[in-house]
Amino acid sequence: TTISKAVACYVRVSTVGQNEAGQRAE
């Protein structure tokens, strides 16, 4: 069996008030 490796997505926003939704959507 071949184990496929995961796709990892990293998102960072600098302040707690910022929303990561734009990065996530793209």
mmCIF file of all heavy atoms, coordinates in Angstrom:
data_MODEL
# 
_entry.id   MODEL 
# 
loop_
_atom_site.group_PDB 
_atom_site.id 
_atom_site.type_symbol 
_atom_site.label_atom_id 
_atom_site.label_alt_id 
_atom_site.label_comp_id 
_atom_site.label_asym_id 
_atom_site.label_entity_id 
_atom_site.label_seq_id 
_atom_site.pdbx_PDB_ins_code 
_atom_site.Cartn_x 
_atom_site.Cartn_y 
_atom_site.Cartn_z 
_atom_site.occupancy 
_atom_site.B_iso_or_equiv 
_atom_site.pdbx_formal_charge 
_atom_site.auth_seq_id 
_atom_site.auth_comp_id 
_atom_site.auth_asym_id 
_atom_site.auth_atom_id 
_atom_site.pdbx_PDB_model_num 
ATOM 1   N N   . THR A 1 1  ? 0.836   -1.200 0.000  1.00 0.00 ? 1  THR A N   1 
ATOM 2   C CA  . THR A 1 1  ? 0.000   0.000  0.000  1.00 0.00 ? 1  THR A CA  1 
ATOM 3   C C   . THR A 1 1  ? 0.870   1.247  0.000  1.00 0.00 ? 1  THR A C   1 
ATOM 4   O O   . THR A 1 1  ? 1.881   1.311  0.667  1.00 0.00 ? 1  THR A O   1 
ATOM 5   C CB  . THR A 1 1  ? -0.901  0.056  1.253  1.00 0.00 ? 1  THR A CB  1 
ATOM 6   O OG1 . THR A 1 1  ? -0.287  -0.648 2.305  1.00 0.00 ? 1  THR A OG1 1 
ATOM 7   C CG2 . THR A 1 1  ? -2.266  -0.438 0.987  1.00 0.00 ? 1  THR A CG2 1 
ATOM 8   N N   . THR A 1 2  ? 0.428   2.225  -0.757 1.00 0.00 ? 2  THR A N   1 
ATOM 9   C CA  . THR A 1 2  ? 1.131   3.500  -0.799 1.00 0.00 ? 2  THR A CA  1 
ATOM 10  C C   . THR A 1 2  ? 0.408   4.476  0.111  1.00 0.00 ? 2  THR A C   1 
ATOM 11  O O   . THR A 1 2  ? -0.798  4.652  -0.003 1.00 0.00 ? 2  THR A O   1 
ATOM 12  C CB  . THR A 1 2  ? 1.133   4.061  -2.237 1.00 0.00 ? 2  THR A CB  1 
ATOM 13  O OG1 . THR A 1 2  ? 1.627   3.056  -3.094 1.00 0.00 ? 2  THR A OG1 1 
ATOM 14  C CG2 . THR A 1 2  ? 1.993   5.287  -2.335 1.00 0.00 ? 2  THR A CG2 1 
ATOM 15  N N   . ILE A 1 3  ? 1.142   5.063  1.009  1.00 0.00 ? 3  ILE A N   1 
ATOM 16  C CA  . ILE A 1 3  ? 0.558   6.056  1.907  1.00 0.00 ? 3  ILE A CA  1 
ATOM 17  C C   . ILE A 1 3  ? 0.795   7.421  1.276  1.00 0.00 ? 3  ILE A C   1 
ATOM 18  O O   . ILE A 1 3  ? 1.939   7.824  1.054  1.00 0.00 ? 3  ILE A O   1 
ATOM 19  C CB  . ILE A 1 3  ? 1.198   5.995  3.306  1.00 0.00 ? 3  ILE A CB  1 
ATOM 20  C CG1 . ILE A 1 3  ? 0.962   4.608  3.921  1.00 0.00 ? 3  ILE A CG1 1 
ATOM 21  C CG2 . ILE A 1 3  ? 0.671   7.084  4.196  1.00 0.00 ? 3  ILE A CG2 1 
ATOM 22  C CD1 . ILE A 1 3  ? 1.709   4.377  5.203  1.00 0.00 ? 3  ILE A CD1 1 
ATOM 23  N N   . SER A 1 4  ? -0.313  8.107  0.971  1.00 0.00 ? 4  SER A N   1 
ATOM 24  C CA  . SER A 1 4  ? -0.150  9.439  0.385  1.00 0.00 ? 4  SER A CA  1 
ATOM 25  C C   . SER A 1 4  ? 0.104   10.437 1.501  1.00 0.00 ? 4  SER A C   1 
ATOM 26  O O   . SER A 1 4  ? -0.454  10.347 2.583  1.00 0.00 ? 4  SER A O   1 
ATOM 27  C CB  . SER A 1 4  ? -1.388  9.833  -0.414 1.00 0.00 ? 4  SER A CB  1 
ATOM 28  O OG  . SER A 1 4  ? -2.486  9.938  0.451  1.00 0.00 ? 4  SER A OG  1 
ATOM 29  N N   . LYS A 1 5  ? 0.956   11.378 1.206  1.00 0.00 ? 5  LYS A N   1 
ATOM 30  C CA  . LYS A 1 5  ? 1.298   12.386 2.200  1.00 0.00 ? 5  LYS A CA  1 
ATOM 31  C C   . LYS A 1 5  ? 0.298   13.528 2.125  1.00 0.00 ? 5  LYS A C   1 
ATOM 32  O O   . LYS A 1 5  ? -0.214  13.850 1.069  1.00 0.00 ? 5  LYS A O   1 
ATOM 33  C CB  . LYS A 1 5  ? 2.717   12.882 1.960  1.00 0.00 ? 5  LYS A CB  1 
ATOM 34  C CG  . LYS A 1 5  ? 3.744   11.786 2.212  1.00 0.00 ? 5  LYS A CG  1 
ATOM 35  C CD  . LYS A 1 5  ? 5.130   12.354 2.212  1.00 0.00 ? 5  LYS A CD  1 
ATOM 36  C CE  . LYS A 1 5  ? 6.106   11.259 2.581  1.00 0.00 ? 5  LYS A CE  1 
ATOM 37  N NZ  . LYS A 1 5  ? 7.414   11.791 2.861  1.00 0.00 ? 5  LYS A NZ  1 
ATOM 38  N N   . ALA A 1 6  ? 0.060   14.127 3.261  1.00 0.00 ? 6  ALA A N   1 
ATOM 39  C CA  . ALA A 1 6  ? -0.949  15.179 3.381  1.00 0.00 ? 6  ALA A CA  1 
ATOM 40  C C   . ALA A 1 6  ? -0.498  16.489 2.756  1.00 0.00 ? 6  ALA A C   1 
ATOM 41  O O   . ALA A 1 6  ? 0.683   16.769 2.605  1.00 0.00 ? 6  ALA A O   1 
ATOM 42  C CB  . ALA A 1 6  ? -1.270  15.414 4.858  1.00 0.00 ? 6  ALA A CB  1 
ATOM 43  N N   . VAL A 1 7  ? -1.493  17.282 2.411  1.00 0.00 ? 7  VAL A N   1 
ATOM 44  C CA  . VAL A 1 7  ? -1.270  18.670 2.016  1.00 0.00 ? 7  VAL A CA  1 
ATOM 45  C C   . VAL A 1 7  ? -1.518  19.499 3.274  1.00 0.00 ? 7  VAL A C   1 
ATOM 46  O O   . VAL A 1 7  ? -2.566  19.396 3.900  1.00 0.00 ? 7  VAL A O   1 
ATOM 47  C CB  . VAL A 1 7  ? -2.232  19.107 0.889  1.00 0.00 ? 7  VAL A CB  1 
ATOM 48  C CG1 . VAL A 1 7  ? -2.090  20.595 0.616  1.00 0.00 ? 7  VAL A CG1 1 
ATOM 49  C CG2 . VAL A 1 7  ? -1.989  18.294 -0.369 1.00 0.00 ? 7  VAL A CG2 1 
ATOM 50  N N   . ALA A 1 8  ? -0.513  20.276 3.659  1.00 0.00 ? 8  ALA A N   1 
ATOM 51  C CA  . ALA A 1 8  ? -0.629  21.133 4.831  1.00 0.00 ? 8  ALA A CA  1 
ATOM 52  C C   . ALA A 1 8  ? -0.727  22.577 4.360  1.00 0.00 ? 8  ALA A C   1 
ATOM 53  O O   . ALA A 1 8  ? 0.014   23.004 3.478  1.00 0.00 ? 8  ALA A O   1 
ATOM 54  C CB  . ALA A 1 8  ? 0.591   20.964 5.733  1.00 0.00 ? 8  ALA A CB  1 
ATOM 55  N N   . CYS A 1 9  ? -1.670  23.316 4.940  1.00 0.00 ? 9  CYS A N   1 
ATOM 56  C CA  . CYS A 1 9  ? -1.849  24.718 4.599  1.00 0.00 ? 9  CYS A CA  1 
ATOM 57  C C   . CYS A 1 9  ? -1.536  25.552 5.828  1.00 0.00 ? 9  CYS A C   1 
ATOM 58  O O   . CYS A 1 9  ? -2.101  25.311 6.899  1.00 0.00 ? 9  CYS A O   1 
ATOM 59  C CB  . CYS A 1 9  ? -3.269  24.980 4.123  1.00 0.00 ? 9  CYS A CB  1 
ATOM 60  S SG  . CYS A 1 9  ? -3.672  24.046 2.635  1.00 0.00 ? 9  CYS A SG  1 
ATOM 61  N N   . TYR A 1 10 ? -0.635  26.508 5.667  1.00 0.00 ? 10 TYR A N   1 
ATOM 62  C CA  . TYR A 1 10 ? -0.251  27.358 6.786  1.00 0.00 ? 10 TYR A CA  1 
ATOM 63  C C   . TYR A 1 10 ? -0.754  28.777 6.551  1.00 0.00 ? 10 TYR A C   1 
ATOM 64  O O   . TYR A 1 10 ? -0.539  29.366 5.493  1.00 0.00 ? 10 TYR A O   1 
ATOM 65  C CB  . TYR A 1 10 ? 1.274   27.384 6.965  1.00 0.00 ? 10 TYR A CB  1 
ATOM 66  C CG  . TYR A 1 10 ? 1.684   28.259 8.120  1.00 0.00 ? 10 TYR A CG  1 
ATOM 67  C CD1 . TYR A 1 10 ? 1.468   27.848 9.431  1.00 0.00 ? 10 TYR A CD1 1 
ATOM 68  C CD2 . TYR A 1 10 ? 2.238   29.505 7.910  1.00 0.00 ? 10 TYR A CD2 1 
ATOM 69  C CE1 . TYR A 1 10 ? 1.807   28.656 10.500 1.00 0.00 ? 10 TYR A CE1 1 
ATOM 70  C CE2 . TYR A 1 10 ? 2.586   30.328 8.969  1.00 0.00 ? 10 TYR A CE2 1 
ATOM 71  C CZ  . TYR A 1 10 ? 2.369   29.891 10.263 1.00 0.00 ? 10 TYR A CZ  1 
ATOM 72  O OH  . TYR A 1 10 ? 2.691   30.705 11.327 1.00 0.00 ? 10 TYR A OH  1 
ATOM 73  N N   . VAL A 1 11 ? -1.432  29.309 7.573  1.00 0.00 ? 11 VAL A N   1 
ATOM 74  C CA  . VAL A 1 11 ? -1.988  30.660 7.531  1.00 0.00 ? 11 VAL A CA  1 
ATOM 75  C C   . VAL A 1 11 ? -1.502  31.383 8.788  1.00 0.00 ? 11 VAL A C   1 
ATOM 76  O O   . VAL A 1 11 ? -1.508  30.818 9.883  1.00 0.00 ? 11 VAL A O   1 
ATOM 77  C CB  . VAL A 1 11 ? -3.534  30.609 7.519  1.00 0.00 ? 11 VAL A CB  1 
ATOM 78  C CG1 . VAL A 1 11 ? -4.130  31.999 7.625  1.00 0.00 ? 11 VAL A CG1 1 
ATOM 79  C CG2 . VAL A 1 11 ? -4.036  29.890 6.282  1.00 0.00 ? 11 VAL A CG2 1 
ATOM 80  N N   . ARG A 1 12 ? -1.075  32.644 8.595  1.00 0.00 ? 12 ARG A N   1 
ATOM 81  C CA  . ARG A 1 12 ? -0.662  33.454 9.743  1.00 0.00 ? 12 ARG A CA  1 
ATOM 82  C C   . ARG A 1 12 ? -1.186  34.868 9.574  1.00 0.00 ? 12 ARG A C   1 
ATOM 83  O O   . ARG A 1 12 ? -1.073  35.457 8.500  1.00 0.00 ? 12 ARG A O   1 
ATOM 84  C CB  . ARG A 1 12 ? 0.869   33.511 9.852  1.00 0.00 ? 12 ARG A CB  1 
ATOM 85  C CG  . ARG A 1 12 ? 1.356   34.366 11.024 1.00 0.00 ? 12 ARG A CG  1 
ATOM 86  C CD  . ARG A 1 12 ? 2.871   34.504 11.057 1.00 0.00 ? 12 ARG A CD  1 
ATOM 87  N NE  . ARG A 1 12 ? 3.427   35.178 9.895  1.00 0.00 ? 12 ARG A NE  1 
ATOM 88  C CZ  . ARG A 1 12 ? 3.424   36.498 9.709  1.00 0.00 ? 12 ARG A CZ  1 
ATOM 89  N NH1 . ARG A 1 12 ? 2.867   37.303 10.597 1.00 0.00 ? 12 ARG A NH1 1 
ATOM 90  N NH2 . ARG A 1 12 ? 3.956   37.033 8.615  1.00 0.00 ? 12 ARG A NH2 1 
ATOM 91  N N   . VAL A 1 13 ? -1.795  35.391 10.642 1.00 0.00 ? 13 VAL A N   1 
ATOM 92  C CA  . VAL A 1 13 ? -2.156  36.804 10.695 1.00 0.00 ? 13 VAL A CA  1 
ATOM 93  C C   . VAL A 1 13 ? -1.434  37.405 11.896 1.00 0.00 ? 13 VAL A C   1 
ATOM 94  O O   . VAL A 1 13 ? -1.281  36.758 12.926 1.00 0.00 ? 13 VAL A O   1 
ATOM 95  C CB  . VAL A 1 13 ? -3.687  37.043 10.770 1.00 0.00 ? 13 VAL A CB  1 
ATOM 96  C CG1 . VAL A 1 13 ? -4.354  36.676 9.459  1.00 0.00 ? 13 VAL A CG1 1 
ATOM 97  C CG2 . VAL A 1 13 ? -4.322  36.293 11.917 1.00 0.00 ? 13 VAL A CG2 1 
ATOM 98  N N   . SER A 1 14 ? -0.979  38.630 11.747 1.00 0.00 ? 14 SER A N   1 
ATOM 99  C CA  . SER A 1 14 ? -0.111  39.250 12.744 1.00 0.00 ? 14 SER A CA  1 
ATOM 100 C C   . SER A 1 14 ? -0.821  39.697 14.007 1.00 0.00 ? 14 SER A C   1 
ATOM 101 O O   . SER A 1 14 ? -0.217  39.738 15.066 1.00 0.00 ? 14 SER A O   1 
ATOM 102 C CB  . SER A 1 14 ? 0.614   40.448 12.130 1.00 0.00 ? 14 SER A CB  1 
ATOM 103 O OG  . SER A 1 14 ? 1.365   40.024 11.020 1.00 0.00 ? 14 SER A OG  1 
ATOM 104 N N   . THR A 1 15 ? -2.090  40.058 13.906 1.00 0.00 ? 15 THR A N   1 
ATOM 105 C CA  . THR A 1 15 ? -2.807  40.516 15.092 1.00 0.00 ? 15 THR A CA  1 
ATOM 106 C C   . THR A 1 15 ? -4.056  39.669 15.309 1.00 0.00 ? 15 THR A C   1 
ATOM 107 O O   . THR A 1 15 ? -4.608  39.103 14.361 1.00 0.00 ? 15 THR A O   1 
ATOM 108 C CB  . THR A 1 15 ? -3.230  41.996 14.971 1.00 0.00 ? 15 THR A CB  1 
ATOM 109 O OG1 . THR A 1 15 ? -4.175  42.121 13.907 1.00 0.00 ? 15 THR A OG1 1 
ATOM 110 C CG2 . THR A 1 15 ? -2.032  42.896 14.714 1.00 0.00 ? 15 THR A CG2 1 
ATOM 111 N N   . VAL A 1 16 ? -4.481  39.606 16.556 1.00 0.00 ? 16 VAL A N   1 
ATOM 112 C CA  . VAL A 1 16 ? -5.662  38.817 16.896 1.00 0.00 ? 16 VAL A CA  1 
ATOM 113 C C   . VAL A 1 16 ? -6.897  39.365 16.202 1.00 0.00 ? 16 VAL A C   1 
ATOM 114 O O   . VAL A 1 16 ? -7.799  38.637 15.831 1.00 0.00 ? 16 VAL A O   1 
ATOM 115 C CB  . VAL A 1 16 ? -5.858  38.780 18.433 1.00 0.00 ? 16 VAL A CB  1 
ATOM 116 C CG1 . VAL A 1 16 ? -7.111  38.030 18.816 1.00 0.00 ? 16 VAL A CG1 1 
ATOM 117 C CG2 . VAL A 1 16 ? -4.642  38.144 19.109 1.00 0.00 ? 16 VAL A CG2 1 
ATOM 118 N N   . GLY A 1 17 ? -6.928  40.684 15.969 1.00 0.00 ? 17 GLY A N   1 
ATOM 119 C CA  . GLY A 1 17 ? -8.072  41.324 15.326 1.00 0.00 ? 17 GLY A CA  1 
ATOM 120 C C   . GLY A 1 17 ? -8.192  41.030 13.841 1.00 0.00 ? 17 GLY A C   1 
ATOM 121 O O   . GLY A 1 17 ? -9.241  41.246 13.247 1.00 0.00 ? 17 GLY A O   1 
ATOM 122 N N   . GLN A 1 18 ? -7.117  40.565 13.228 1.00 0.00 ? 18 GLN A N   1 
ATOM 123 C CA  . GLN A 1 18 ? -7.170  40.266 11.798 1.00 0.00 ? 18 GLN A CA  1 
ATOM 124 C C   . GLN A 1 18 ? -7.890  38.944 11.571 1.00 0.00 ? 18 GLN A C   1 
ATOM 125 O O   . GLN A 1 18 ? -7.924  38.070 12.431 1.00 0.00 ? 18 GLN A O   1 
ATOM 126 C CB  . GLN A 1 18 ? -5.756  40.184 11.209 1.00 0.00 ? 18 GLN A CB  1 
ATOM 127 C CG  . GLN A 1 18 ? -5.077  41.532 11.121 1.00 0.00 ? 18 GLN A CG  1 
ATOM 128 C CD  . GLN A 1 18 ? -3.653  41.385 10.601 1.00 0.00 ? 18 GLN A CD  1 
ATOM 129 O OE1 . GLN A 1 18 ? -2.915  40.512 11.003 1.00 0.00 ? 18 GLN A OE1 1 
ATOM 130 N NE2 . GLN A 1 18 ? -3.282  42.287 9.703  1.00 0.00 ? 18 GLN A NE2 1 
ATOM 131 N N   . ASN A 1 19 ? -8.438  38.822 10.373 1.00 0.00 ? 19 ASN A N   1 
ATOM 132 C CA  . ASN A 1 19 ? -9.184  37.624 10.014 1.00 0.00 ? 19 ASN A CA  1 
ATOM 133 C C   . ASN A 1 19 ? -8.407  36.852 8.966  1.00 0.00 ? 19 ASN A C   1 
ATOM 134 O O   . ASN A 1 19 ? -7.972  37.432 7.966  1.00 0.00 ? 19 ASN A O   1 
ATOM 135 C CB  . ASN A 1 19 ? -10.559 38.054 9.477  1.00 0.00 ? 19 ASN A CB  1 
ATOM 136 C CG  . ASN A 1 19 ? -11.487 36.899 9.279  1.00 0.00 ? 19 ASN A CG  1 
ATOM 137 O OD1 . ASN A 1 19 ? -11.070 35.759 9.074  1.00 0.00 ? 19 ASN A OD1 1 
ATOM 138 N ND2 . ASN A 1 19 ? -12.771 37.182 9.330  1.00 0.00 ? 19 ASN A ND2 1 
ATOM 139 N N   . GLU A 1 20 ? -8.267  35.561 9.182  1.00 0.00 ? 20 GLU A N   1 
ATOM 140 C CA  . GLU A 1 20 ? -7.513  34.734 8.237  1.00 0.00 ? 20 GLU A CA  1 
ATOM 141 C C   . GLU A 1 20 ? -8.371  34.223 7.080  1.00 0.00 ? 20 GLU A C   1 
ATOM 142 O O   . GLU A 1 20 ? -7.883  33.501 6.211  1.00 0.00 ? 20 GLU A O   1 
ATOM 143 C CB  . GLU A 1 20 ? -6.850  33.557 8.962  1.00 0.00 ? 20 GLU A CB  1 
ATOM 144 C CG  . GLU A 1 20 ? -7.783  32.447 9.380  1.00 0.00 ? 20 GLU A CG  1 
ATOM 145 C CD  . GLU A 1 20 ? -8.454  32.632 10.731 1.00 0.00 ? 20 GLU A CD  1 
ATOM 146 O OE1 . GLU A 1 20 ? -8.295  33.688 11.366 1.00 0.00 ? 20 GLU A OE1 1 
ATOM 147 O OE2 . GLU A 1 20 ? -9.142  31.704 11.147 1.00 0.00 ? 20 GLU A OE2 1 
ATOM 148 N N   . ALA A 1 21 ? -9.642  34.603 7.044  1.00 0.00 ? 21 ALA A N   1 
ATOM 149 C CA  . ALA A 1 21 ? -10.577 34.081 6.039  1.00 0.00 ? 21 ALA A CA  1 
ATOM 150 C C   . ALA A 1 21 ? -10.123 34.363 4.605  1.00 0.00 ? 21 ALA A C   1 
ATOM 151 O O   . ALA A 1 21 ? -10.289 33.511 3.728  1.00 0.00 ? 21 ALA A O   1 
ATOM 152 C CB  . ALA A 1 21 ? -11.981 34.645 6.264  1.00 0.00 ? 21 ALA A CB  1 
ATOM 153 N N   . GLY A 1 22 ? -9.555  35.531 4.351  1.00 0.00 ? 22 GLY A N   1 
ATOM 154 C CA  . GLY A 1 22 ? -9.103  35.859 2.999  1.00 0.00 ? 22 GLY A CA  1 
ATOM 155 C C   . GLY A 1 22 ? -7.994  34.934 2.527  1.00 0.00 ? 22 GLY A C   1 
ATOM 156 O O   . GLY A 1 22 ? -8.019  34.428 1.397  1.00 0.00 ? 22 GLY A O   1 
ATOM 157 N N   . GLN A 1 23 ? -7.012  34.701 3.398  1.00 0.00 ? 23 GLN A N   1 
ATOM 158 C CA  . GLN A 1 23 ? -5.924  33.776 3.048  1.00 0.00 ? 23 GLN A CA  1 
ATOM 159 C C   . GLN A 1 23 ? -6.475  32.369 2.825  1.00 0.00 ? 23 GLN A C   1 
ATOM 160 O O   . GLN A 1 23 ? -6.129  31.696 1.855  1.00 0.00 ? 23 GLN A O   1 
ATOM 161 C CB  . GLN A 1 23 ? -4.879  33.729 4.168  1.00 0.00 ? 23 GLN A CB  1 
ATOM 162 C CG  . GLN A 1 23 ? -4.073  34.992 4.312  1.00 0.00 ? 23 GLN A CG  1 
ATOM 163 C CD  . GLN A 1 23 ? -3.041  34.887 5.414  1.00 0.00 ? 23 GLN A CD  1 
ATOM 164 O OE1 . GLN A 1 23 ? -2.351  33.888 5.543  1.00 0.00 ? 23 GLN A OE1 1 
ATOM 165 N NE2 . GLN A 1 23 ? -2.941  35.937 6.222  1.00 0.00 ? 23 GLN A NE2 1 
ATOM 166 N N   . ARG A 1 24 ? -7.343  31.941 3.741  1.00 0.00 ? 24 ARG A N   1 
ATOM 167 C CA  . ARG A 1 24 ? -7.907  30.595 3.648  1.00 0.00 ? 24 ARG A CA  1 
ATOM 168 C C   . ARG A 1 24 ? -8.691  30.418 2.343  1.00 0.00 ? 24 ARG A C   1 
ATOM 169 O O   . ARG A 1 24 ? -8.576  29.405 1.663  1.00 0.00 ? 24 ARG A O   1 
ATOM 170 C CB  . ARG A 1 24 ? -8.802  30.316 4.854  1.00 0.00 ? 24 ARG A CB  1 
ATOM 171 C CG  . ARG A 1 24 ? -9.304  28.886 4.916  1.00 0.00 ? 24 ARG A CG  1 
ATOM 172 C CD  . ARG A 1 24 ? -10.212 28.673 6.115  1.00 0.00 ? 24 ARG A CD  1 
ATOM 173 N NE  . ARG A 1 24 ? -9.502  28.553 7.351  1.00 0.00 ? 24 ARG A NE  1 
ATOM 174 C CZ  . ARG A 1 24 ? -9.219  27.384 7.922  1.00 0.00 ? 24 ARG A CZ  1 
ATOM 175 N NH1 . ARG A 1 24 ? -9.569  26.266 7.343  1.00 0.00 ? 24 ARG A NH1 1 
ATOM 176 N NH2 . ARG A 1 24 ? -8.582  27.347 9.068  1.00 0.00 ? 24 ARG A NH2 1 
ATOM 177 N N   . ALA A 1 25 ? -9.482  31.431 1.970  1.00 0.00 ? 25 ALA A N   1 
ATOM 178 C CA  . ALA A 1 25 ? -10.288 31.352 0.746  1.00 0.00 ? 25 ALA A CA  1 
ATOM 179 C C   . ALA A 1 25 ? -9.408  31.208 -0.492 1.00 0.00 ? 25 ALA A C   1 
ATOM 180 O O   . ALA A 1 25 ? -9.704  30.408 -1.389 1.00 0.00 ? 25 ALA A O   1 
ATOM 181 C CB  . ALA A 1 25 ? -11.189 32.580 0.627  1.00 0.00 ? 25 ALA A CB  1 
ATOM 182 N N   . GLU A 1 26 ? -8.323  31.997 -0.548 1.00 0.00 ? 26 GLU A N   1 
ATOM 183 C CA  . GLU A 1 26 ? -7.410  31.911 -1.691 1.00 0.00 ? 26 GLU A CA  1 
ATOM 184 C C   . GLU A 1 26 ? -6.733  30.551 -1.765 1.00 0.00 ? 26 GLU A C   1 
ATOM 185 O O   . GLU A 1 26 ? -6.579  29.970 -2.844 1.00 0.00 ? 26 GLU A O   1 
ATOM 186 C CB  . GLU A 1 26 ? -6.346  33.016 -1.621 1.00 0.00 ? 26 GLU A CB  1 
ATOM 187 C CG  . GLU A 1 26 ? -6.883  34.387 -1.921 1.00 0.00 ? 26 GLU A CG  1 
ATOM 188 C CD  . GLU A 1 26 ? -7.373  34.533 -3.355 1.00 0.00 ? 26 GLU A CD  1 
ATOM 189 O OE1 . GLU A 1 26 ? -6.711  34.045 -4.286 1.00 0.00 ? 26 GLU A OE1 1 
ATOM 190 O OE2 . GLU A 1 26 ? -8.440  35.140 -3.534 1.00 0.00 ? 26 GLU A OE2 1 
# 
